[in-house]
N, C-alpha and C. Protein backbone atom coordinates (compact mmCIF):
# COMPACT_ATOMS: atom_id res chain seq x y z
N MET A 1 10.37 -42.07 57.61
CA MET A 1 11.58 -41.44 57.17
C MET A 1 11.58 -41.26 55.65
N ARG A 2 11.17 -42.26 54.90
CA ARG A 2 11.12 -42.15 53.45
C ARG A 2 10.15 -41.07 53.00
N ILE A 3 9.05 -40.94 53.64
CA ILE A 3 8.05 -39.94 53.27
C ILE A 3 8.62 -38.55 53.45
N LYS A 4 9.38 -38.34 54.54
CA LYS A 4 9.99 -37.03 54.77
C LYS A 4 11.01 -36.72 53.68
N LEU A 5 11.78 -37.71 53.30
CA LEU A 5 12.79 -37.52 52.25
C LEU A 5 12.12 -37.20 50.91
N ILE A 6 11.08 -37.92 50.56
CA ILE A 6 10.36 -37.66 49.32
C ILE A 6 9.71 -36.28 49.36
N LEU A 7 9.14 -35.91 50.50
CA LEU A 7 8.51 -34.60 50.66
C LEU A 7 9.54 -33.47 50.51
N VAL A 8 10.70 -33.64 51.10
CA VAL A 8 11.76 -32.64 51.00
C VAL A 8 12.25 -32.54 49.56
N LEU A 9 12.43 -33.64 48.87
CA LEU A 9 12.87 -33.62 47.48
C LEU A 9 11.83 -32.96 46.57
N CYS A 10 10.57 -33.27 46.80
CA CYS A 10 9.51 -32.66 46.01
C CYS A 10 9.44 -31.16 46.24
N LEU A 11 9.54 -30.75 47.51
CA LEU A 11 9.49 -29.33 47.83
C LEU A 11 10.68 -28.59 47.23
N SER A 12 11.86 -29.18 47.31
CA SER A 12 13.04 -28.51 46.75
C SER A 12 12.97 -28.47 45.22
N ALA A 13 12.44 -29.52 44.59
CA ALA A 13 12.28 -29.51 43.13
C ALA A 13 11.29 -28.44 42.72
N PHE A 14 10.22 -28.31 43.46
CA PHE A 14 9.22 -27.28 43.18
C PHE A 14 9.82 -25.88 43.28
N LEU A 15 10.55 -25.63 44.35
CA LEU A 15 11.18 -24.31 44.53
C LEU A 15 12.22 -24.04 43.45
N PHE A 16 12.99 -25.06 43.10
CA PHE A 16 14.00 -24.90 42.06
C PHE A 16 13.36 -24.57 40.71
N LEU A 17 12.31 -25.30 40.35
CA LEU A 17 11.65 -25.08 39.07
C LEU A 17 10.92 -23.75 39.04
N SER A 18 10.32 -23.34 40.14
CA SER A 18 9.62 -22.05 40.15
C SER A 18 10.61 -20.90 40.07
N ALA A 19 11.80 -21.06 40.65
CA ALA A 19 12.82 -20.02 40.57
C ALA A 19 13.34 -19.89 39.15
N CYS A 20 13.52 -21.01 38.46
CA CYS A 20 14.00 -20.97 37.08
C CYS A 20 12.95 -20.37 36.16
N LYS A 21 11.70 -20.67 36.42
CA LYS A 21 10.63 -20.14 35.58
C LYS A 21 10.57 -18.62 35.67
N GLY A 22 10.79 -18.07 36.84
CA GLY A 22 10.77 -16.62 37.02
C GLY A 22 11.88 -15.94 36.24
N ASP A 23 13.06 -16.55 36.17
CA ASP A 23 14.18 -15.95 35.45
C ASP A 23 13.90 -15.89 33.96
N ASN A 24 13.30 -16.92 33.39
CA ASN A 24 12.99 -16.94 31.97
C ASN A 24 11.94 -15.90 31.62
N ALA A 25 10.97 -15.72 32.51
CA ALA A 25 9.94 -14.73 32.25
C ALA A 25 10.53 -13.33 32.20
N ASN A 26 11.48 -13.04 33.11
CA ASN A 26 12.12 -11.71 33.10
C ASN A 26 13.04 -11.54 31.91
N ALA A 27 13.70 -12.60 31.50
CA ALA A 27 14.59 -12.51 30.34
C ALA A 27 13.79 -12.21 29.09
N ASN A 28 12.62 -12.81 28.93
CA ASN A 28 11.80 -12.55 27.76
C ASN A 28 11.16 -11.17 27.81
N ALA A 29 10.89 -10.68 29.01
CA ALA A 29 10.27 -9.36 29.14
C ALA A 29 11.24 -8.25 28.74
N ASN A 30 12.53 -8.48 28.89
CA ASN A 30 13.51 -7.44 28.60
C ASN A 30 13.91 -7.40 27.13
N LYS A 31 13.51 -8.39 26.36
CA LYS A 31 13.86 -8.40 24.94
C LYS A 31 13.06 -7.36 24.19
N VAL A 32 13.69 -6.71 23.27
CA VAL A 32 13.04 -5.71 22.43
C VAL A 32 12.76 -6.34 21.07
N ALA A 33 11.52 -6.23 20.66
CA ALA A 33 11.16 -6.80 19.36
C ALA A 33 11.73 -5.92 18.25
N THR A 34 12.43 -6.53 17.34
CA THR A 34 12.96 -5.78 16.21
C THR A 34 12.10 -6.07 14.99
N PRO A 35 11.66 -5.05 14.32
CA PRO A 35 10.79 -5.26 13.16
C PRO A 35 11.56 -5.88 12.00
N THR A 36 10.86 -6.69 11.26
CA THR A 36 11.44 -7.31 10.07
C THR A 36 11.42 -6.28 8.94
N PRO A 37 12.54 -6.04 8.30
CA PRO A 37 12.55 -5.06 7.21
C PRO A 37 11.72 -5.54 6.02
N ILE A 38 11.04 -4.59 5.40
CA ILE A 38 10.22 -4.89 4.23
C ILE A 38 11.01 -4.45 2.99
N VAL A 39 11.19 -5.39 2.10
CA VAL A 39 11.94 -5.11 0.88
C VAL A 39 10.99 -4.47 -0.12
N LYS A 40 11.36 -3.31 -0.61
CA LYS A 40 10.56 -2.64 -1.62
C LYS A 40 10.99 -3.12 -3.00
N THR A 41 10.01 -3.42 -3.79
CA THR A 41 10.30 -3.83 -5.15
C THR A 41 10.25 -2.61 -6.06
N SER A 42 10.86 -2.73 -7.18
CA SER A 42 10.88 -1.63 -8.14
C SER A 42 9.84 -1.88 -9.22
N GLU A 43 8.59 -2.05 -8.78
CA GLU A 43 7.53 -2.28 -9.74
C GLU A 43 7.14 -0.96 -10.39
N THR A 44 6.97 -0.98 -11.66
CA THR A 44 6.51 0.20 -12.37
C THR A 44 5.34 -0.20 -13.26
N VAL A 45 4.48 0.75 -13.49
CA VAL A 45 3.34 0.50 -14.36
C VAL A 45 3.80 0.71 -15.79
N ALA A 46 3.53 -0.25 -16.62
CA ALA A 46 3.91 -0.13 -18.02
C ALA A 46 3.05 0.94 -18.69
N THR A 47 3.68 1.85 -19.38
CA THR A 47 2.96 2.91 -20.06
C THR A 47 2.30 2.35 -21.31
N ASP A 48 1.00 2.57 -21.39
CA ASP A 48 0.24 2.11 -22.55
C ASP A 48 0.22 3.26 -23.55
N THR A 49 1.26 3.32 -24.37
CA THR A 49 1.42 4.46 -25.27
C THR A 49 0.33 4.55 -26.32
N ALA A 50 -0.18 3.41 -26.75
CA ALA A 50 -1.24 3.43 -27.77
C ALA A 50 -2.50 4.07 -27.21
N THR A 51 -2.87 3.71 -25.99
CA THR A 51 -4.07 4.29 -25.37
C THR A 51 -3.86 5.76 -25.05
N VAL A 52 -2.68 6.11 -24.58
CA VAL A 52 -2.38 7.52 -24.28
C VAL A 52 -2.49 8.35 -25.55
N LYS A 53 -1.93 7.86 -26.63
CA LYS A 53 -2.00 8.58 -27.92
C LYS A 53 -3.45 8.72 -28.38
N LYS A 54 -4.23 7.67 -28.21
CA LYS A 54 -5.63 7.69 -28.62
C LYS A 54 -6.42 8.74 -27.82
N ILE A 55 -6.16 8.81 -26.50
CA ILE A 55 -6.84 9.80 -25.66
C ILE A 55 -6.41 11.21 -26.04
N GLU A 56 -5.10 11.41 -26.22
CA GLU A 56 -4.60 12.74 -26.59
C GLU A 56 -5.20 13.21 -27.91
N ASP A 57 -5.27 12.33 -28.88
CA ASP A 57 -5.85 12.69 -30.18
C ASP A 57 -7.32 13.05 -30.06
N ALA A 58 -8.06 12.29 -29.26
CA ALA A 58 -9.49 12.57 -29.08
C ALA A 58 -9.70 13.91 -28.37
N LEU A 59 -8.86 14.20 -27.38
CA LEU A 59 -8.99 15.48 -26.66
C LEU A 59 -8.64 16.66 -27.57
N LYS A 60 -7.59 16.52 -28.36
CA LYS A 60 -7.20 17.59 -29.28
C LYS A 60 -8.26 17.82 -30.35
N ALA A 61 -8.89 16.75 -30.80
CA ALA A 61 -9.95 16.87 -31.81
C ALA A 61 -11.15 17.65 -31.27
N LYS A 62 -11.39 17.56 -29.97
CA LYS A 62 -12.49 18.29 -29.34
C LYS A 62 -12.07 19.68 -28.86
N GLY A 63 -10.78 20.03 -29.03
CA GLY A 63 -10.31 21.36 -28.69
C GLY A 63 -9.75 21.51 -27.28
N PHE A 64 -9.48 20.42 -26.60
CA PHE A 64 -8.92 20.48 -25.25
C PHE A 64 -7.40 20.32 -25.34
N THR A 65 -6.72 21.45 -25.51
CA THR A 65 -5.27 21.42 -25.71
C THR A 65 -4.49 21.56 -24.40
N ASP A 66 -5.15 21.99 -23.32
CA ASP A 66 -4.47 22.19 -22.03
C ASP A 66 -4.56 20.96 -21.13
N VAL A 67 -4.98 19.83 -21.67
CA VAL A 67 -5.11 18.61 -20.87
C VAL A 67 -3.99 17.64 -21.27
N LYS A 68 -3.25 17.17 -20.26
CA LYS A 68 -2.16 16.21 -20.48
C LYS A 68 -2.61 14.84 -20.00
N VAL A 69 -2.13 13.80 -20.66
CA VAL A 69 -2.48 12.42 -20.33
C VAL A 69 -1.25 11.73 -19.76
N ASP A 70 -1.40 11.15 -18.57
CA ASP A 70 -0.29 10.46 -17.90
C ASP A 70 -0.55 8.96 -17.94
N GLY A 71 0.20 8.25 -18.75
CA GLY A 71 0.02 6.81 -18.90
C GLY A 71 0.87 6.00 -17.95
N SER A 72 1.68 6.65 -17.10
CA SER A 72 2.53 5.91 -16.17
C SER A 72 1.80 5.54 -14.89
N THR A 73 0.54 5.95 -14.76
CA THR A 73 -0.25 5.61 -13.58
C THR A 73 -1.30 4.58 -13.95
N LYS A 74 -1.82 3.92 -12.95
CA LYS A 74 -2.89 2.96 -13.19
C LYS A 74 -4.05 3.37 -12.33
N PRO A 75 -5.18 3.77 -12.79
CA PRO A 75 -5.56 3.94 -14.19
C PRO A 75 -4.90 5.19 -14.80
N ILE A 76 -5.03 5.33 -16.08
CA ILE A 76 -4.46 6.49 -16.79
C ILE A 76 -5.06 7.76 -16.20
N THR A 77 -4.22 8.77 -15.98
CA THR A 77 -4.64 10.01 -15.35
C THR A 77 -4.63 11.15 -16.37
N ILE A 78 -5.66 11.99 -16.31
CA ILE A 78 -5.69 13.20 -17.13
C ILE A 78 -5.54 14.39 -16.19
N ARG A 79 -4.70 15.35 -16.59
CA ARG A 79 -4.42 16.54 -15.78
C ARG A 79 -4.46 17.77 -16.67
N GLY A 80 -4.75 18.90 -16.06
CA GLY A 80 -4.74 20.15 -16.80
C GLY A 80 -5.91 21.01 -16.42
N THR A 81 -6.21 21.99 -17.29
CA THR A 81 -7.32 22.90 -17.05
C THR A 81 -8.21 22.97 -18.28
N VAL A 82 -9.50 23.20 -18.01
CA VAL A 82 -10.47 23.37 -19.09
C VAL A 82 -11.38 24.53 -18.73
N ALA A 83 -12.12 25.02 -19.73
CA ALA A 83 -13.06 26.12 -19.49
C ALA A 83 -14.16 25.65 -18.54
N LYS A 84 -14.73 26.60 -17.83
CA LYS A 84 -15.79 26.30 -16.87
C LYS A 84 -16.96 25.61 -17.58
N GLY A 85 -17.44 24.51 -17.01
CA GLY A 85 -18.56 23.78 -17.57
C GLY A 85 -18.17 22.69 -18.55
N LYS A 86 -16.88 22.54 -18.84
CA LYS A 86 -16.42 21.55 -19.82
C LYS A 86 -15.77 20.32 -19.17
N LEU A 87 -15.77 20.26 -17.86
CA LEU A 87 -15.09 19.18 -17.15
C LEU A 87 -15.71 17.82 -17.47
N ALA A 88 -17.02 17.72 -17.44
CA ALA A 88 -17.69 16.45 -17.71
C ALA A 88 -17.42 15.98 -19.14
N GLU A 89 -17.35 16.91 -20.07
CA GLU A 89 -17.10 16.55 -21.46
C GLU A 89 -15.68 16.00 -21.64
N VAL A 90 -14.71 16.60 -20.96
CA VAL A 90 -13.32 16.13 -21.05
C VAL A 90 -13.21 14.70 -20.54
N VAL A 91 -13.83 14.45 -19.39
CA VAL A 91 -13.77 13.11 -18.81
C VAL A 91 -14.46 12.10 -19.72
N GLN A 92 -15.60 12.49 -20.27
CA GLN A 92 -16.34 11.59 -21.16
C GLN A 92 -15.52 11.26 -22.41
N VAL A 93 -14.90 12.27 -23.02
CA VAL A 93 -14.10 12.05 -24.23
C VAL A 93 -12.92 11.13 -23.90
N ALA A 94 -12.25 11.36 -22.77
CA ALA A 94 -11.09 10.54 -22.40
C ALA A 94 -11.50 9.09 -22.14
N GLN A 95 -12.62 8.89 -21.44
CA GLN A 95 -13.06 7.53 -21.14
C GLN A 95 -13.52 6.79 -22.39
N GLU A 96 -14.18 7.49 -23.29
CA GLU A 96 -14.60 6.85 -24.54
C GLU A 96 -13.40 6.45 -25.38
N ALA A 97 -12.39 7.31 -25.42
CA ALA A 97 -11.19 7.01 -26.20
C ALA A 97 -10.40 5.86 -25.57
N ALA A 98 -10.35 5.83 -24.24
CA ALA A 98 -9.57 4.79 -23.55
C ALA A 98 -10.32 3.47 -23.51
N GLY A 99 -11.64 3.54 -23.43
CA GLY A 99 -12.41 2.31 -23.29
C GLY A 99 -12.47 1.82 -21.86
N THR A 100 -11.82 2.53 -20.95
CA THR A 100 -11.83 2.20 -19.52
C THR A 100 -11.91 3.49 -18.74
N PRO A 101 -12.25 3.45 -17.46
CA PRO A 101 -12.27 4.67 -16.65
C PRO A 101 -10.87 5.27 -16.53
N VAL A 102 -10.82 6.59 -16.45
CA VAL A 102 -9.57 7.31 -16.26
C VAL A 102 -9.66 8.10 -14.95
N LYS A 103 -8.51 8.38 -14.37
CA LYS A 103 -8.45 9.19 -13.15
C LYS A 103 -8.47 10.65 -13.55
N ASN A 104 -9.40 11.40 -12.97
CA ASN A 104 -9.58 12.80 -13.35
C ASN A 104 -8.88 13.71 -12.35
N GLU A 105 -7.90 14.48 -12.82
CA GLU A 105 -7.25 15.53 -12.03
C GLU A 105 -7.30 16.85 -12.79
N VAL A 106 -8.32 17.00 -13.61
CA VAL A 106 -8.50 18.21 -14.41
C VAL A 106 -9.27 19.22 -13.57
N THR A 107 -8.87 20.50 -13.68
CA THR A 107 -9.58 21.57 -12.98
C THR A 107 -10.18 22.54 -13.99
N GLU A 108 -11.24 23.21 -13.53
CA GLU A 108 -11.88 24.21 -14.40
C GLU A 108 -11.25 25.57 -14.14
N LYS A 109 -11.16 26.39 -15.21
CA LYS A 109 -10.61 27.75 -15.10
C LYS A 109 -11.63 28.66 -14.44
């Protein structure tokens, strides 16, 4: 008699726990994941005015007046137009004046 009672209690506990486990699995399946918002910072690149001035002066001394220097980007960017065949010279002059590589967005006419 005791064995039957223990067997019935074990079987009912098993069925009860398996039924509860199924409900939790369905509850988790219906949840929608919400993405965590990403906070954007207001980081800005400090303009290196001394280097920009040095590059502009070197370019003007070589006769490249249609080239603008943007110091608000990292690395410093040069933009504008030059005569055909002078692109390499503009980049070389800008890099020598800056002492570091510059981003080239100059086009040839």
